[in-house]
ModelCIF file with pLDDT and N, C-alpha, C, O atoms, coordinates in Angstrom:
data_MODEL
#
_entry.id   MODEL 
#
_entity.id                         1 
_entity.type                       polymer 
_entity.pdbx_number_of_molecules   1 
#
_entity_poly.entity_id                      1 
_entity_poly.type                           'polypeptide(L)' 
_entity_poly.nstd_linkage                   no 
_entity_poly.nstd_monomer                   no 
_entity_poly.pdbx_seq_one_letter_code       PEAAEIAMRAASSGKYVFTTFHTRDVASMVTAFR 
_entity_poly.pdbx_seq_one_letter_code_can   PEAAEIAMRAASSGKYVFTTFHTRDVASMVTAFR 
_entity_poly.pdbx_strand_id                 A 
#
loop_
_entity_poly_seq.entity_id 
_entity_poly_seq.num 
_entity_poly_seq.mon_id 
_entity_poly_seq.hetero 
1 1  PRO n 
1 2  GLU n 
1 3  ALA n 
1 4  ALA n 
1 5  GLU n 
1 6  ILE n 
1 7  ALA n 
1 8  MET n 
1 9  ARG n 
1 10 ALA n 
1 11 ALA n 
1 12 SER n 
1 13 SER n 
1 14 GLY n 
1 15 LYS n 
1 16 TYR n 
1 17 VAL n 
1 18 PHE n 
1 19 THR n 
1 20 THR n 
1 21 PHE n 
1 22 HIS n 
1 23 THR n 
1 24 ARG n 
1 25 ASP n 
1 26 VAL n 
1 27 ALA n 
1 28 SER n 
1 29 MET n 
1 30 VAL n 
1 31 THR n 
1 32 ALA n 
1 33 PHE n 
1 34 ARG n 
#
_struct_asym.id          A 
_struct_asym.entity_id   1 
#
loop_
_ma_qa_metric.id 
_ma_qa_metric.mode 
_ma_qa_metric.name 
_ma_qa_metric.software_group_id 
_ma_qa_metric.type 
1 global pLDDT . pLDDT 
2 local  pLDDT . pLDDT 
#
_ma_qa_metric_global.metric_id      1 
_ma_qa_metric_global.metric_value   87.32 
_ma_qa_metric_global.model_id       1 
_ma_qa_metric_global.ordinal_id     1 
#
loop_
_ma_qa_metric_local.label_asym_id 
_ma_qa_metric_local.label_comp_id 
_ma_qa_metric_local.label_seq_id 
_ma_qa_metric_local.metric_id 
_ma_qa_metric_local.metric_value 
_ma_qa_metric_local.model_id 
_ma_qa_metric_local.ordinal_id 
A PRO 1  2 87.00 1 1  
A GLU 2  2 81.00 1 2  
A ALA 3  2 81.00 1 3  
A ALA 4  2 87.00 1 4  
A GLU 5  2 85.00 1 5  
A ILE 6  2 80.00 1 6  
A ALA 7  2 84.00 1 7  
A MET 8  2 89.00 1 8  
A ARG 9  2 85.00 1 9  
A ALA 10 2 85.00 1 10 
A ALA 11 2 89.00 1 11 
A SER 12 2 87.00 1 12 
A SER 13 2 84.00 1 13 
A GLY 14 2 86.00 1 14 
A LYS 15 2 88.00 1 15 
A TYR 16 2 92.00 1 16 
A VAL 17 2 92.00 1 17 
A PHE 18 2 93.00 1 18 
A THR 19 2 90.00 1 19 
A THR 20 2 89.00 1 20 
A PHE 21 2 88.00 1 21 
A HIS 22 2 85.00 1 22 
A THR 23 2 86.00 1 23 
A ARG 24 2 84.00 1 24 
A ASP 25 2 85.00 1 25 
A VAL 26 2 88.00 1 26 
A ALA 27 2 88.00 1 27 
A SER 28 2 89.00 1 28 
A MET 29 2 88.00 1 29 
A VAL 30 2 90.00 1 30 
A THR 31 2 91.00 1 31 
A ALA 32 2 90.00 1 32 
A PHE 33 2 91.00 1 33 
A ARG 34 2 92.00 1 34 
#
loop_
_atom_site.group_PDB 
_atom_site.id 
_atom_site.type_symbol 
_atom_site.label_atom_id 
_atom_site.label_alt_id 
_atom_site.label_comp_id 
_atom_site.label_asym_id 
_atom_site.label_entity_id 
_atom_site.label_seq_id 
_atom_site.pdbx_PDB_ins_code 
_atom_site.Cartn_x 
_atom_site.Cartn_y 
_atom_site.Cartn_z 
_atom_site.occupancy 
_atom_site.B_iso_or_equiv 
_atom_site.pdbx_formal_charge 
_atom_site.auth_seq_id 
_atom_site.auth_comp_id 
_atom_site.auth_asym_id 
_atom_site.auth_atom_id 
_atom_site.pdbx_PDB_model_num 
ATOM 1   N N  . PRO A 1 1  ? -1.606  -3.674 -9.293 1.00 87.00 ? 1  PRO A N  1 
ATOM 2   C CA . PRO A 1 1  ? -2.697  -2.907 -8.852 1.00 87.00 ? 1  PRO A CA 1 
ATOM 3   C C  . PRO A 1 1  ? -3.713  -3.649 -8.206 1.00 87.00 ? 1  PRO A C  1 
ATOM 4   O O  . PRO A 1 1  ? -4.438  -3.022 -7.434 1.00 87.00 ? 1  PRO A O  1 
ATOM 5   N N  . GLU A 1 2  ? -3.960  -5.149 -8.405 1.00 81.00 ? 2  GLU A N  1 
ATOM 6   C CA . GLU A 1 2  ? -4.860  -5.564 -7.709 1.00 81.00 ? 2  GLU A CA 1 
ATOM 7   C C  . GLU A 1 2  ? -4.527  -5.959 -6.331 1.00 81.00 ? 2  GLU A C  1 
ATOM 8   O O  . GLU A 1 2  ? -5.369  -5.780 -5.451 1.00 81.00 ? 2  GLU A O  1 
ATOM 9   N N  . ALA A 1 3  ? -3.322  -6.507 -6.042 1.00 81.00 ? 3  ALA A N  1 
ATOM 10  C CA . ALA A 1 3  ? -2.719  -6.709 -4.683 1.00 81.00 ? 3  ALA A CA 1 
ATOM 11  C C  . ALA A 1 3  ? -2.903  -5.289 -3.799 1.00 81.00 ? 3  ALA A C  1 
ATOM 12  O O  . ALA A 1 3  ? -3.421  -5.263 -2.683 1.00 81.00 ? 3  ALA A O  1 
ATOM 13  N N  . ALA A 1 4  ? -2.418  -4.195 -4.461 1.00 87.00 ? 4  ALA A N  1 
ATOM 14  C CA . ALA A 1 4  ? -2.657  -3.013 -3.844 1.00 87.00 ? 4  ALA A CA 1 
ATOM 15  C C  . ALA A 1 4  ? -4.035  -2.572 -3.380 1.00 87.00 ? 4  ALA A C  1 
ATOM 16  O O  . ALA A 1 4  ? -4.270  -2.054 -2.288 1.00 87.00 ? 4  ALA A O  1 
ATOM 17  N N  . GLU A 1 5  ? -4.873  -2.823 -4.284 1.00 85.00 ? 5  GLU A N  1 
ATOM 18  C CA . GLU A 1 5  ? -6.384  -2.555 -3.776 1.00 85.00 ? 5  GLU A CA 1 
ATOM 19  C C  . GLU A 1 5  ? -7.169  -3.401 -2.709 1.00 85.00 ? 5  GLU A C  1 
ATOM 20  O O  . GLU A 1 5  ? -8.046  -2.988 -1.950 1.00 85.00 ? 5  GLU A O  1 
ATOM 21  N N  . ILE A 1 6  ? -6.592  -4.855 -2.832 1.00 80.00 ? 6  ILE A N  1 
ATOM 22  C CA . ILE A 1 6  ? -7.101  -5.494 -1.814 1.00 80.00 ? 6  ILE A CA 1 
ATOM 23  C C  . ILE A 1 6  ? -6.357  -5.408 -0.527 1.00 80.00 ? 6  ILE A C  1 
ATOM 24  O O  . ILE A 1 6  ? -6.872  -5.879 0.487  1.00 80.00 ? 6  ILE A O  1 
ATOM 25  N N  . ALA A 1 7  ? -5.227  -4.862 -0.488 1.00 84.00 ? 7  ALA A N  1 
ATOM 26  C CA . ALA A 1 7  ? -4.503  -4.455 0.764  1.00 84.00 ? 7  ALA A CA 1 
ATOM 27  C C  . ALA A 1 7  ? -5.460  -3.310 1.344  1.00 84.00 ? 7  ALA A C  1 
ATOM 28  O O  . ALA A 1 7  ? -5.998  -3.295 2.452  1.00 84.00 ? 7  ALA A O  1 
ATOM 29  N N  . MET A 1 8  ? -5.528  -2.507 0.487  1.00 89.00 ? 8  MET A N  1 
ATOM 30  C CA . MET A 1 8  ? -6.166  -1.051 0.847  1.00 89.00 ? 8  MET A CA 1 
ATOM 31  C C  . MET A 1 8  ? -7.521  -1.503 1.374  1.00 89.00 ? 8  MET A C  1 
ATOM 32  O O  . MET A 1 8  ? -7.991  -0.923 2.352  1.00 89.00 ? 8  MET A O  1 
ATOM 33  N N  . ARG A 1 9  ? -8.166  -2.480 0.803  1.00 85.00 ? 9  ARG A N  1 
ATOM 34  C CA . ARG A 1 9  ? -9.418  -2.978 1.103  1.00 85.00 ? 9  ARG A CA 1 
ATOM 35  C C  . ARG A 1 9  ? -9.568  -3.454 2.828  1.00 85.00 ? 9  ARG A C  1 
ATOM 36  O O  . ARG A 1 9  ? -10.293 -3.030 3.728  1.00 85.00 ? 9  ARG A O  1 
ATOM 37  N N  . ALA A 1 10 ? -8.653  -4.388 2.785  1.00 85.00 ? 10 ALA A N  1 
ATOM 38  C CA . ALA A 1 10 ? -8.353  -5.022 3.919  1.00 85.00 ? 10 ALA A CA 1 
ATOM 39  C C  . ALA A 1 10 ? -8.196  -4.230 5.161  1.00 85.00 ? 10 ALA A C  1 
ATOM 40  O O  . ALA A 1 10 ? -8.697  -4.536 6.243  1.00 85.00 ? 10 ALA A O  1 
ATOM 41  N N  . ALA A 1 11 ? -7.272  -2.920 4.865  1.00 89.00 ? 11 ALA A N  1 
ATOM 42  C CA . ALA A 1 11 ? -6.911  -1.828 5.780  1.00 89.00 ? 11 ALA A CA 1 
ATOM 43  C C  . ALA A 1 11 ? -8.117  -1.071 6.233  1.00 89.00 ? 11 ALA A C  1 
ATOM 44  O O  . ALA A 1 11 ? -8.327  -0.741 7.400  1.00 89.00 ? 11 ALA A O  1 
ATOM 45  N N  . SER A 1 12 ? -8.972  -0.800 5.104  1.00 87.00 ? 12 SER A N  1 
ATOM 46  C CA . SER A 1 12 ? -10.363 0.146  5.554  1.00 87.00 ? 12 SER A CA 1 
ATOM 47  C C  . SER A 1 12 ? -11.245 -0.782 6.339  1.00 87.00 ? 12 SER A C  1 
ATOM 48  O O  . SER A 1 12 ? -12.012 -0.319 7.183  1.00 87.00 ? 12 SER A O  1 
ATOM 49  N N  . SER A 1 13 ? -11.154 -2.374 6.044  1.00 84.00 ? 13 SER A N  1 
ATOM 50  C CA . SER A 1 13 ? -12.085 -3.012 7.129  1.00 84.00 ? 13 SER A CA 1 
ATOM 51  C C  . SER A 1 13 ? -11.688 -3.220 8.504  1.00 84.00 ? 13 SER A C  1 
ATOM 52  O O  . SER A 1 13 ? -12.365 -3.918 9.259  1.00 84.00 ? 13 SER A O  1 
ATOM 53  N N  . GLY A 1 14 ? -10.517 -2.592 8.898  1.00 86.00 ? 14 GLY A N  1 
ATOM 54  C CA . GLY A 1 14 ? -10.320 -2.772 10.362 1.00 86.00 ? 14 GLY A CA 1 
ATOM 55  C C  . GLY A 1 14 ? -9.340  -3.652 10.525 1.00 86.00 ? 14 GLY A C  1 
ATOM 56  O O  . GLY A 1 14 ? -9.048  -3.854 11.704 1.00 86.00 ? 14 GLY A O  1 
ATOM 57  N N  . LYS A 1 15 ? -8.565  -4.409 9.505  1.00 88.00 ? 15 LYS A N  1 
ATOM 58  C CA . LYS A 1 15 ? -7.508  -5.029 9.692  1.00 88.00 ? 15 LYS A CA 1 
ATOM 59  C C  . LYS A 1 15 ? -6.240  -4.295 9.663  1.00 88.00 ? 15 LYS A C  1 
ATOM 60  O O  . LYS A 1 15 ? -6.087  -3.243 9.043  1.00 88.00 ? 15 LYS A O  1 
ATOM 61  N N  . TYR A 1 16 ? -5.221  -4.957 10.441 1.00 92.00 ? 16 TYR A N  1 
ATOM 62  C CA . TYR A 1 16 ? -3.910  -4.127 10.543 1.00 92.00 ? 16 TYR A CA 1 
ATOM 63  C C  . TYR A 1 16 ? -3.018  -4.650 9.455  1.00 92.00 ? 16 TYR A C  1 
ATOM 64  O O  . TYR A 1 16 ? -2.724  -5.843 9.535  1.00 92.00 ? 16 TYR A O  1 
ATOM 65  N N  . VAL A 1 17 ? -2.572  -4.002 8.520  1.00 92.00 ? 17 VAL A N  1 
ATOM 66  C CA . VAL A 1 17 ? -2.057  -4.597 7.312  1.00 92.00 ? 17 VAL A CA 1 
ATOM 67  C C  . VAL A 1 17 ? -0.594  -4.006 7.015  1.00 92.00 ? 17 VAL A C  1 
ATOM 68  O O  . VAL A 1 17 ? -0.353  -2.824 6.769  1.00 92.00 ? 17 VAL A O  1 
ATOM 69  N N  . PHE A 1 18 ? 0.353   -5.074 7.086  1.00 93.00 ? 18 PHE A N  1 
ATOM 70  C CA . PHE A 1 18 ? 1.931   -4.675 6.870  1.00 93.00 ? 18 PHE A CA 1 
ATOM 71  C C  . PHE A 1 18 ? 2.267   -5.143 5.822  1.00 93.00 ? 18 PHE A C  1 
ATOM 72  O O  . PHE A 1 18 ? 1.950   -6.281 5.477  1.00 93.00 ? 18 PHE A O  1 
ATOM 73  N N  . THR A 1 19 ? 2.996   -4.319 5.099  1.00 90.00 ? 19 THR A N  1 
ATOM 74  C CA . THR A 1 19 ? 3.711   -4.816 3.609  1.00 90.00 ? 19 THR A CA 1 
ATOM 75  C C  . THR A 1 19 ? 4.967   -4.109 3.345  1.00 90.00 ? 19 THR A C  1 
ATOM 76  O O  . THR A 1 19 ? 5.347   -3.213 4.100  1.00 90.00 ? 19 THR A O  1 
ATOM 77  N N  . THR A 1 20 ? 5.719   -4.517 2.170  1.00 89.00 ? 20 THR A N  1 
ATOM 78  C CA . THR A 1 20 ? 6.898   -3.731 1.895  1.00 89.00 ? 20 THR A CA 1 
ATOM 79  C C  . THR A 1 20 ? 6.684   -3.259 0.558  1.00 89.00 ? 20 THR A C  1 
ATOM 80  O O  . THR A 1 20 ? 5.768   -3.767 -0.089 1.00 89.00 ? 20 THR A O  1 
ATOM 81  N N  . PHE A 1 21 ? 7.505   -2.221 -0.029 1.00 88.00 ? 21 PHE A N  1 
ATOM 82  C CA . PHE A 1 21 ? 7.680   -1.606 -1.447 1.00 88.00 ? 21 PHE A CA 1 
ATOM 83  C C  . PHE A 1 21 ? 8.489   -1.216 -1.893 1.00 88.00 ? 21 PHE A C  1 
ATOM 84  O O  . PHE A 1 21 ? 8.810   -0.160 -1.346 1.00 88.00 ? 21 PHE A O  1 
ATOM 85  N N  . HIS A 1 22 ? 9.257   -1.548 -2.881 1.00 85.00 ? 22 HIS A N  1 
ATOM 86  C CA . HIS A 1 22 ? 10.513  -1.226 -3.392 1.00 85.00 ? 22 HIS A CA 1 
ATOM 87  C C  . HIS A 1 22 ? 10.490  0.153  -4.024 1.00 85.00 ? 22 HIS A C  1 
ATOM 88  O O  . HIS A 1 22 ? 10.196  0.349  -5.203 1.00 85.00 ? 22 HIS A O  1 
ATOM 89  N N  . THR A 1 23 ? 10.811  1.060  -3.183 1.00 86.00 ? 23 THR A N  1 
ATOM 90  C CA . THR A 1 23 ? 11.033  2.663  -3.669 1.00 86.00 ? 23 THR A CA 1 
ATOM 91  C C  . THR A 1 23 ? 12.152  3.207  -2.880 1.00 86.00 ? 23 THR A C  1 
ATOM 92  O O  . THR A 1 23 ? 12.706  2.612  -1.956 1.00 86.00 ? 23 THR A O  1 
ATOM 93  N N  . ARG A 1 24 ? 12.478  4.535  -3.372 1.00 84.00 ? 24 ARG A N  1 
ATOM 94  C CA . ARG A 1 24 ? 13.590  5.130  -3.224 1.00 84.00 ? 24 ARG A CA 1 
ATOM 95  C C  . ARG A 1 24 ? 13.505  5.477  -1.762 1.00 84.00 ? 24 ARG A C  1 
ATOM 96  O O  . ARG A 1 24 ? 14.347  5.143  -0.929 1.00 84.00 ? 24 ARG A O  1 
ATOM 97  N N  . ASP A 1 25 ? 12.099  6.380  -1.448 1.00 85.00 ? 25 ASP A N  1 
ATOM 98  C CA . ASP A 1 25 ? 12.037  7.152  -0.175 1.00 85.00 ? 25 ASP A CA 1 
ATOM 99  C C  . ASP A 1 25 ? 10.535  7.142  -0.074 1.00 85.00 ? 25 ASP A C  1 
ATOM 100 O O  . ASP A 1 25 ? 9.725   6.529  -0.768 1.00 85.00 ? 25 ASP A O  1 
ATOM 101 N N  . VAL A 1 26 ? 10.338  7.965  0.955  1.00 88.00 ? 26 VAL A N  1 
ATOM 102 C CA . VAL A 1 26 ? 8.654   7.982  1.504  1.00 88.00 ? 26 VAL A CA 1 
ATOM 103 C C  . VAL A 1 26 ? 7.808   8.826  0.319  1.00 88.00 ? 26 VAL A C  1 
ATOM 104 O O  . VAL A 1 26 ? 6.597   8.606  0.303  1.00 88.00 ? 26 VAL A O  1 
ATOM 105 N N  . ALA A 1 27 ? 8.202   9.531  -0.420 1.00 88.00 ? 27 ALA A N  1 
ATOM 106 C CA . ALA A 1 27 ? 7.442   10.490 -1.243 1.00 88.00 ? 27 ALA A CA 1 
ATOM 107 C C  . ALA A 1 27 ? 7.315   9.460  -2.684 1.00 88.00 ? 27 ALA A C  1 
ATOM 108 O O  . ALA A 1 27 ? 6.231   9.334  -3.253 1.00 88.00 ? 27 ALA A O  1 
ATOM 109 N N  . SER A 1 28 ? 8.275   8.925  -3.055 1.00 89.00 ? 28 SER A N  1 
ATOM 110 C CA . SER A 1 28 ? 8.181   7.597  -3.714 1.00 89.00 ? 28 SER A CA 1 
ATOM 111 C C  . SER A 1 28 ? 7.364   6.794  -3.949 1.00 89.00 ? 28 SER A C  1 
ATOM 112 O O  . SER A 1 28 ? 6.845   6.523  -5.032 1.00 89.00 ? 28 SER A O  1 
ATOM 113 N N  . MET A 1 29 ? 7.147   6.240  -2.675 1.00 88.00 ? 29 MET A N  1 
ATOM 114 C CA . MET A 1 29 ? 6.240   5.344  -2.245 1.00 88.00 ? 29 MET A CA 1 
ATOM 115 C C  . MET A 1 29 ? 4.470   5.859  -2.417 1.00 88.00 ? 29 MET A C  1 
ATOM 116 O O  . MET A 1 29 ? 3.510   5.115  -2.619 1.00 88.00 ? 29 MET A O  1 
ATOM 117 N N  . VAL A 1 30 ? 4.471   7.157  -2.280 1.00 90.00 ? 30 VAL A N  1 
ATOM 118 C CA . VAL A 1 30 ? 3.032   7.733  -2.280 1.00 90.00 ? 30 VAL A CA 1 
ATOM 119 C C  . VAL A 1 30 ? 2.898   7.446  -3.831 1.00 90.00 ? 30 VAL A C  1 
ATOM 120 O O  . VAL A 1 30 ? 2.051   6.707  -4.332 1.00 90.00 ? 30 VAL A O  1 
ATOM 121 N N  . THR A 1 31 ? 3.766   8.076  -4.430 1.00 91.00 ? 31 THR A N  1 
ATOM 122 C CA . THR A 1 31 ? 3.600   8.166  -5.854 1.00 91.00 ? 31 THR A CA 1 
ATOM 123 C C  . THR A 1 31 ? 3.452   6.833  -6.690 1.00 91.00 ? 31 THR A C  1 
ATOM 124 O O  . THR A 1 31 ? 2.791   6.762  -7.726 1.00 91.00 ? 31 THR A O  1 
ATOM 125 N N  . ALA A 1 32 ? 4.205   5.695  -6.069 1.00 90.00 ? 32 ALA A N  1 
ATOM 126 C CA . ALA A 1 32 ? 3.834   4.702  -6.781 1.00 90.00 ? 32 ALA A CA 1 
ATOM 127 C C  . ALA A 1 32 ? 2.535   3.851  -6.282 1.00 90.00 ? 32 ALA A C  1 
ATOM 128 O O  . ALA A 1 32 ? 2.126   2.874  -6.910 1.00 90.00 ? 32 ALA A O  1 
ATOM 129 N N  . PHE A 1 33 ? 2.008   4.271  -5.231 1.00 91.00 ? 33 PHE A N  1 
ATOM 130 C CA . PHE A 1 33 ? 0.596   3.597  -4.919 1.00 91.00 ? 33 PHE A CA 1 
ATOM 131 C C  . PHE A 1 33 ? -0.465  4.384  -5.996 1.00 91.00 ? 33 PHE A C  1 
ATOM 132 O O  . PHE A 1 33 ? -1.449  3.805  -6.457 1.00 91.00 ? 33 PHE A O  1 
ATOM 133 N N  . ARG A 1 34 ? -0.139  5.685  -6.300 1.00 92.00 ? 34 ARG A N  1 
ATOM 134 C CA . ARG A 1 34 ? -0.961  6.466  -7.263 1.00 92.00 ? 34 ARG A CA 1 
ATOM 135 C C  . ARG A 1 34 ? -0.890  5.789  -8.718 1.00 92.00 ? 34 ARG A C  1 
ATOM 136 O O  . ARG A 1 34 ? -1.505  6.286  -9.661 1.00 92.00 ? 34 ARG A O  1 
#
C-alpha cells in the first residue's frame, strides 16, 4: 500500500509514472489497487 500511495502521489504532482502489476487482466488491476 505504501508504494502504491507514493506512486499515485507522484503521478498527481505532474510526474509521468510507469510501473508493473501482477494481475490477471485490466479489471483485476483496478481491484488490486483498491
